PDB file of N, CA and C in Angstrom:
ATOM      1  N   MET A   1       0.831  -1.175  -0.036  1.00  0.00           N
ATOM      2  CA  MET A   1      -0.022  -0.018  -0.006  1.00  0.00           C
ATOM      3  C   MET A   1       0.886   1.255   0.002  1.00  0.00           C
ATOM      4  N   ALA A   2       0.871   2.021  -1.037  1.00  0.00           N
ATOM      5  CA  ALA A   2       1.647   3.197  -1.186  1.00  0.00           C
ATOM      6  C   ALA A   2       0.927   4.365  -0.577  1.00  0.00           C
ATOM      7  N   MET A   3       1.649   5.133   0.276  1.00  0.00           N
ATOM      8  CA  MET A   3       1.018   6.289   0.895  1.00  0.00           C
ATOM      9  C   MET A   3       1.416   7.545   0.044  1.00  0.00           C
ATOM     10  N   ASN A   4       0.468   8.052  -0.705  1.00  0.00           N
ATOM     11  CA  ASN A   4       0.707   9.294  -1.448  1.00  0.00           C
ATOM     12  C   ASN A   4       0.220  10.410  -0.586  1.00  0.00           C
ATOM     13  N   LYS A   5       0.271  11.620  -1.128  1.00  0.00           N
ATOM     14  CA  LYS A   5      -0.089  12.806  -0.351  1.00  0.00           C
ATOM     15  C   LYS A   5      -1.580  12.825   0.044  1.00  0.00           C
ATOM     16  N   ASN A   6      -2.422  12.320  -0.893  1.00  0.00           N
ATOM     17  CA  ASN A   6      -3.891  12.281  -0.535  1.00  0.00           C
ATOM     18  C   ASN A   6      -4.182  11.279   0.575  1.00  0.00           C
ATOM     19  N   THR A   7      -3.498  10.176   0.547  1.00  0.00           N
ATOM     20  CA  THR A   7      -3.759   9.214   1.626  1.00  0.00           C
ATOM     21  C   THR A   7      -3.254   9.743   2.983  1.00  0.00           C
ATOM     22  N   VAL A   8      -2.161  10.449   2.976  1.00  0.00           N
ATOM     23  CA  VAL A   8      -1.627  10.983   4.240  1.00  0.00           C
ATOM     24  C   VAL A   8      -2.636  12.061   4.702  1.00  0.00           C
ATOM     25  N   LEU A   9      -3.163  12.910   3.872  1.00  0.00           N
ATOM     26  CA  LEU A   9      -4.126  13.935   4.293  1.00  0.00           C
ATOM     27  C   LEU A   9      -5.432  13.288   4.763  1.00  0.00           C
ATOM     28  N   ALA A  10      -5.835  12.169   4.141  1.00  0.00           N
ATOM     29  CA  ALA A  10      -7.063  11.485   4.581  1.00  0.00           C
ATOM     30  C   ALA A  10      -6.836  10.874   5.945  1.00  0.00           C
ATOM     31  N   TRP A  11      -5.697  10.228   6.209  1.00  0.00           N
ATOM     32  CA  TRP A  11      -5.455   9.704   7.567  1.00  0.00           C
ATOM     33  C   TRP A  11      -5.353  10.794   8.593  1.00  0.00           C
ATOM     34  N   ALA A  12      -4.696  11.954   8.227  1.00  0.00           N
ATOM     35  CA  ALA A  12      -4.658  13.084   9.133  1.00  0.00           C
ATOM     36  C   ALA A  12      -6.001  13.613   9.485  1.00  0.00           C
ATOM     37  N   THR A  13      -6.894  13.678   8.489  1.00  0.00           N
ATOM     38  CA  THR A  13      -8.269  14.148   8.681  1.00  0.00           C
ATOM     39  C   THR A  13      -8.992  13.219   9.640  1.00  0.00           C
ATOM     40  N   TYR A  14      -8.922  11.906   9.461  1.00  0.00           N
ATOM     41  CA  TYR A  14      -9.614  10.929  10.363  1.00  0.00           C
ATOM     42  C   TYR A  14      -9.078  11.053  11.767  1.00  0.00           C
ATOM     43  N   ILE A  15      -7.749  11.164  11.953  1.00  0.00           N
ATOM     44  CA  ILE A  15      -7.140  11.221  13.269  1.00  0.00           C
ATOM     45  C   ILE A  15      -7.604  12.525  14.001  1.00  0.00           C
ATOM     46  N   MET A  16      -7.588  13.608  13.206  1.00  0.00           N
ATOM     47  CA  MET A  16      -8.014  14.866  13.888  1.00  0.00           C
ATOM     48  C   MET A  16      -9.473  14.856  14.179  1.00  0.00           C
ATOM     49  N   MET A  17     -10.308  14.221  13.408  1.00  0.00           N
ATOM     50  CA  MET A  17     -11.755  14.176  13.729  1.00  0.00           C
ATOM     51  C   MET A  17     -11.968  13.298  14.968  1.00  0.00           C
ATOM     52  N   PHE A  18     -11.184  12.257  15.105  1.00  0.00           N
ATOM     53  CA  PHE A  18     -11.313  11.344  16.338  1.00  0.00           C
ATOM     54  C   PHE A  18     -10.849  12.126  17.580  1.00  0.00           C
ATOM     55  N   ILE A  19      -9.736  12.845  17.469  1.00  0.00           N
ATOM     56  CA  ILE A  19      -9.276  13.590  18.612  1.00  0.00           C
ATOM     57  C   ILE A  19     -10.257  14.749  18.943  1.00  0.00           C
ATOM     58  N   GLY A  20     -10.803  15.401  17.942  1.00  0.00           N
ATOM     59  CA  GLY A  20     -11.772  16.466  18.137  1.00  0.00           C
ATOM     60  C   GLY A  20     -13.034  15.915  18.859  1.00  0.00           C
ATOM     61  N   LEU A  21     -13.516  14.775  18.431  1.00  0.00           N
ATOM     62  CA  LEU A  21     -14.700  14.173  19.094  1.00  0.00           C
ATOM     63  C   LEU A  21     -14.365  13.778  20.552  1.00  0.00           C
ATOM     64  N   SER A  22     -13.226  13.267  20.716  1.00  0.00           N
ATOM     65  CA  SER A  22     -12.854  12.818  22.078  1.00  0.00           C
ATOM     66  C   SER A  22     -12.695  14.105  22.989  1.00  0.00           C
ATOM     67  N   LEU A  23     -12.175  15.186  22.504  1.00  0.00           N
ATOM     68  CA  LEU A  23     -12.036  16.360  23.302  1.00  0.00           C
ATOM     69  C   LEU A  23     -13.397  16.960  23.612  1.00  0.00           C
ATOM     70  N   ILE A  24     -14.315  16.967  22.635  1.00  0.00           N
ATOM     71  CA  ILE A  24     -15.644  17.431  22.874  1.00  0.00           C
ATOM     72  C   ILE A  24     -16.401  16.560  23.873  1.00  0.00           C
ATOM     73  N   ALA A  25     -16.156  15.285  23.751  1.00  0.00           N
ATOM     74  CA  ALA A  25     -16.820  14.377  24.734  1.00  0.00           C
ATOM     75  C   ALA A  25     -16.231  14.591  26.175  1.00  0.00           C
ATOM     76  N   LEU A  26     -14.917  14.852  26.265  1.00  0.00           N
ATOM     77  CA  LEU A  26     -14.346  15.129  27.566  1.00  0.00           C
ATOM     78  C   LEU A  26     -14.946  16.407  28.136  1.00  0.00           C
ATOM     79  N   GLY A  27     -15.053  17.438  27.312  1.00  0.00           N
ATOM     80  CA  GLY A  27     -15.616  18.664  27.805  1.00  0.00           C
ATOM     81  C   GLY A  27     -17.086  18.529  28.168  1.00  0.00           C
ATOM     82  N   ALA A  28     -17.854  17.673  27.505  1.00  0.00           N
ATOM     83  CA  ALA A  28     -19.276  17.571  27.770  1.00  0.00           C
ATOM     84  C   ALA A  28     -19.541  16.634  28.968  1.00  0.00           C
ATOM     85  N   PHE A  29     -18.792  15.539  29.070  1.00  0.00           N
ATOM     86  CA  PHE A  29     -19.146  14.539  30.044  1.00  0.00           C
ATOM     87  C   PHE A  29     -18.207  14.404  31.219  1.00  0.00           C
ATOM     88  N   ARG A  30     -16.967  14.882  31.128  1.00  0.00           N
ATOM     89  CA  ARG A  30     -16.034  14.675  32.205  1.00  0.00           C
ATOM     90  C   ARG A  30     -15.885  15.873  33.082  1.00  0.00           C
ATOM     91  N   TYR A  31     -15.734  17.030  32.420  1.00  0.00           N
ATOM     92  CA  TYR A  31     -15.462  18.252  33.147  1.00  0.00           C
ATOM     93  C   TYR A  31     -16.692  19.212  33.130  1.00  0.00           C
ATOM     94  N   ASN A  32     -17.217  19.427  34.309  1.00  0.00           N
ATOM     95  CA  ASN A  32     -18.470  20.252  34.348  1.00  0.00           C
ATOM     96  C   ASN A  32     -18.142  21.737  34.659  1.00  0.00           C
ATOM     97  N   GLU A  33     -16.895  22.093  34.885  1.00  0.00           N
ATOM     98  CA  GLU A  33     -16.535  23.401  35.249  1.00  0.00           C
ATOM     99  C   GLU A  33     -16.137  24.122  33.915  1.00  0.00           C
ATOM    100  N   VAL A  34     -15.387  25.232  34.125  1.00  0.00           N
ATOM    101  CA  VAL A  34     -14.931  26.081  32.999  1.00  0.00           C
ATOM    102  C   VAL A  34     -13.974  25.289  32.086  1.00  0.00           C
ATOM    103  N   ALA A  35     -13.264  24.340  32.620  1.00  0.00           N
ATOM    104  CA  ALA A  35     -12.356  23.561  31.797  1.00  0.00           C
ATOM    105  C   ALA A  35     -13.075  22.805  30.719  1.00  0.00           C
ATOM    106  N   GLY A  36     -14.300  22.426  30.915  1.00  0.00           N
ATOM    107  CA  GLY A  36     -15.076  21.711  29.865  1.00  0.00           C
ATOM    108  C   GLY A  36     -15.303  22.572  28.663  1.00  0.00           C
ATOM    109  N   TRP A  37     -15.436  23.924  28.854  1.00  0.00           N
ATOM    110  CA  TRP A  37     -15.645  24.817  27.693  1.00  0.00           C
ATOM    111  C   TRP A  37     -14.323  24.864  26.936  1.00  0.00           C
ATOM    112  N   GLY A  38     -13.157  24.785  27.613  1.00  0.00           N
ATOM    113  CA  GLY A  38     -11.899  24.850  26.933  1.00  0.00           C
ATOM    114  C   GLY A  38     -11.668  23.578  26.127  1.00  0.00           C
ATOM    115  N   PHE A  39     -12.006  22.417  26.697  1.00  0.00           N
ATOM    116  CA  PHE A  39     -11.845  21.196  25.910  1.00  0.00           C
ATOM    117  C   PHE A  39     -12.720  21.174  24.737  1.00  0.00           C
ATOM    118  N   ALA A  40     -13.977  21.647  24.931  1.00  0.00           N
ATOM    119  CA  ALA A  40     -14.901  21.628  23.727  1.00  0.00           C
ATOM    120  C   ALA A  40     -14.443  22.580  22.643  1.00  0.00           C
ATOM    121  N   SER A  41     -13.953  23.788  23.047  1.00  0.00           N
ATOM    122  CA  SER A  41     -13.485  24.725  21.980  1.00  0.00           C
ATOM    123  C   SER A  41     -12.280  24.188  21.243  1.00  0.00           C
ATOM    124  N   VAL A  42     -11.362  23.557  21.964  1.00  0.00           N
ATOM    125  CA  VAL A  42     -10.239  22.975  21.300  1.00  0.00           C
ATOM    126  C   VAL A  42     -10.623  21.821  20.376  1.00  0.00           C
ATOM    127  N   GLY A  43     -11.630  21.087  20.759  1.00  0.00           N
ATOM    128  CA  GLY A  43     -12.201  20.030  19.929  1.00  0.00           C
ATOM    129  C   GLY A  43     -12.797  20.539  18.614  1.00  0.00           C
ATOM    130  N   ILE A  44     -13.472  21.719  18.751  1.00  0.00           N
ATOM    131  CA  ILE A  44     -14.031  22.381  17.537  1.00  0.00           C
ATOM    132  C   ILE A  44     -12.891  22.914  16.637  1.00  0.00           C
ATOM    133  N   GLY A  45     -11.805  23.337  17.273  1.00  0.00           N
ATOM    134  CA  GLY A  45     -10.631  23.790  16.496  1.00  0.00           C
ATOM    135  C   GLY A  45     -10.005  22.593  15.734  1.00  0.00           C
ATOM    136  N   PHE A  46     -10.001  21.391  16.368  1.00  0.00           N
ATOM    137  CA  PHE A  46      -9.530  20.222  15.635  1.00  0.00           C
ATOM    138  C   PHE A  46     -10.418  19.904  14.438  1.00  0.00           C
ATOM    139  N   PHE A  47     -11.721  20.099  14.630  1.00  0.00           N
ATOM    140  CA  PHE A  47     -12.677  19.848  13.462  1.00  0.00           C
ATOM    141  C   PHE A  47     -12.328  20.882  12.321  1.00  0.00           C
ATOM    142  N   ALA A  48     -12.075  22.173  12.686  1.00  0.00           N
ATOM    143  CA  ALA A  48     -11.743  23.135  11.668  1.00  0.00           C
ATOM    144  C   ALA A  48     -10.447  22.726  10.924  1.00  0.00           C
ATOM    145  N   ASN A  49      -9.457  22.239  11.635  1.00  0.00           N
ATOM    146  CA  ASN A  49      -8.213  21.880  10.955  1.00  0.00           C
ATOM    147  C   ASN A  49      -8.422  20.631  10.107  1.00  0.00           C
ATOM    148  N   ALA A  50      -9.297  19.675  10.560  1.00  0.00           N
ATOM    149  CA  ALA A  50      -9.634  18.536   9.741  1.00  0.00           C
ATOM    150  C   ALA A  50     -10.347  18.906   8.497  1.00  0.00           C
ATOM    151  N   TRP A  51     -11.177  19.909   8.592  1.00  0.00           N
ATOM    152  CA  TRP A  51     -11.831  20.388   7.379  1.00  0.00           C
ATOM    153  C   TRP A  51     -10.968  20.951   6.365  1.00  0.00           C
ATOM    154  N   VAL A  52      -9.953  21.709   6.857  1.00  0.00           N
ATOM    155  CA  VAL A  52      -8.913  22.270   5.968  1.00  0.00           C
ATOM    156  C   VAL A  52      -8.111  21.167   5.271  1.00  0.00           C
ATOM    157  N   PHE A  53      -7.702  20.140   6.108  1.00  0.00           N
ATOM    158  CA  PHE A  53      -6.965  19.046   5.487  1.00  0.00           C
ATOM    159  C   PHE A  53      -7.798  18.271   4.442  1.00  0.00           C
ATOM    160  N   ASN A  54      -9.121  18.133   4.731  1.00  0.00           N
ATOM    161  CA  ASN A  54      -9.926  17.453   3.743  1.00  0.00           C
ATOM    162  C   ASN A  54     -10.074  18.311   2.461  1.00  0.00           C
ATOM    163  N   ALA A  55     -10.101  19.639   2.613  1.00  0.00           N
ATOM    164  CA  ALA A  55     -10.176  20.472   1.407  1.00  0.00           C
ATOM    165  C   ALA A  55      -8.901  20.494   0.641  1.00  0.00           C
ATOM    166  N   LEU A  56      -7.790  20.204   1.285  1.00  0.00           N
ATOM    167  CA  LEU A  56      -6.493  20.236   0.530  1.00  0.00           C
ATOM    168  C   LEU A  56      -6.284  18.954  -0.250  1.00  0.00           C
ATOM    169  N   LYS A  57      -7.076  17.911  -0.034  1.00  0.00           N
ATOM    170  CA  LYS A  57      -6.853  16.663  -0.753  1.00  0.00           C
ATOM    171  C   LYS A  57      -6.997  16.944  -2.263  1.00  0.00           C
ATOM    172  N   GLY A  58      -6.056  16.588  -3.029  1.00  0.00           N
ATOM    173  CA  GLY A  58      -6.129  16.678  -4.467  1.00  0.00           C
ATOM    174  C   GLY A  58      -5.558  18.048  -4.964  1.00  0.00           C
ATOM    175  N   ARG A  59      -5.321  19.006  -4.059  1.00  0.00           N
ATOM    176  CA  ARG A  59      -4.819  20.311  -4.485  1.00  0.00           C
ATOM    177  C   ARG A  59      -3.328  20.537  -4.177  1.00  0.00           C
ATOM    178  N   VAL A  60      -2.820  19.771  -3.282  1.00  0.00           N
ATOM    179  CA  VAL A  60      -1.397  19.931  -2.871  1.00  0.00           C
ATOM    180  C   VAL A  60      -0.479  19.238  -3.808  1.00  0.00           C
TER     181      VAL A  60
END
């Protein structure tokens, strides 16, 4: 299995989506204080980066 640039970006997108979901889940279910808002906002930032990586597939 050859890893070209689109495959690498696809894997990076999936990993970042998983990390973003886990951070949002930590913020929603684990931390009830102000720290939960921080975890959730960082998770949304991971989603934004994953969206950019997905948009770059085929263009780089």
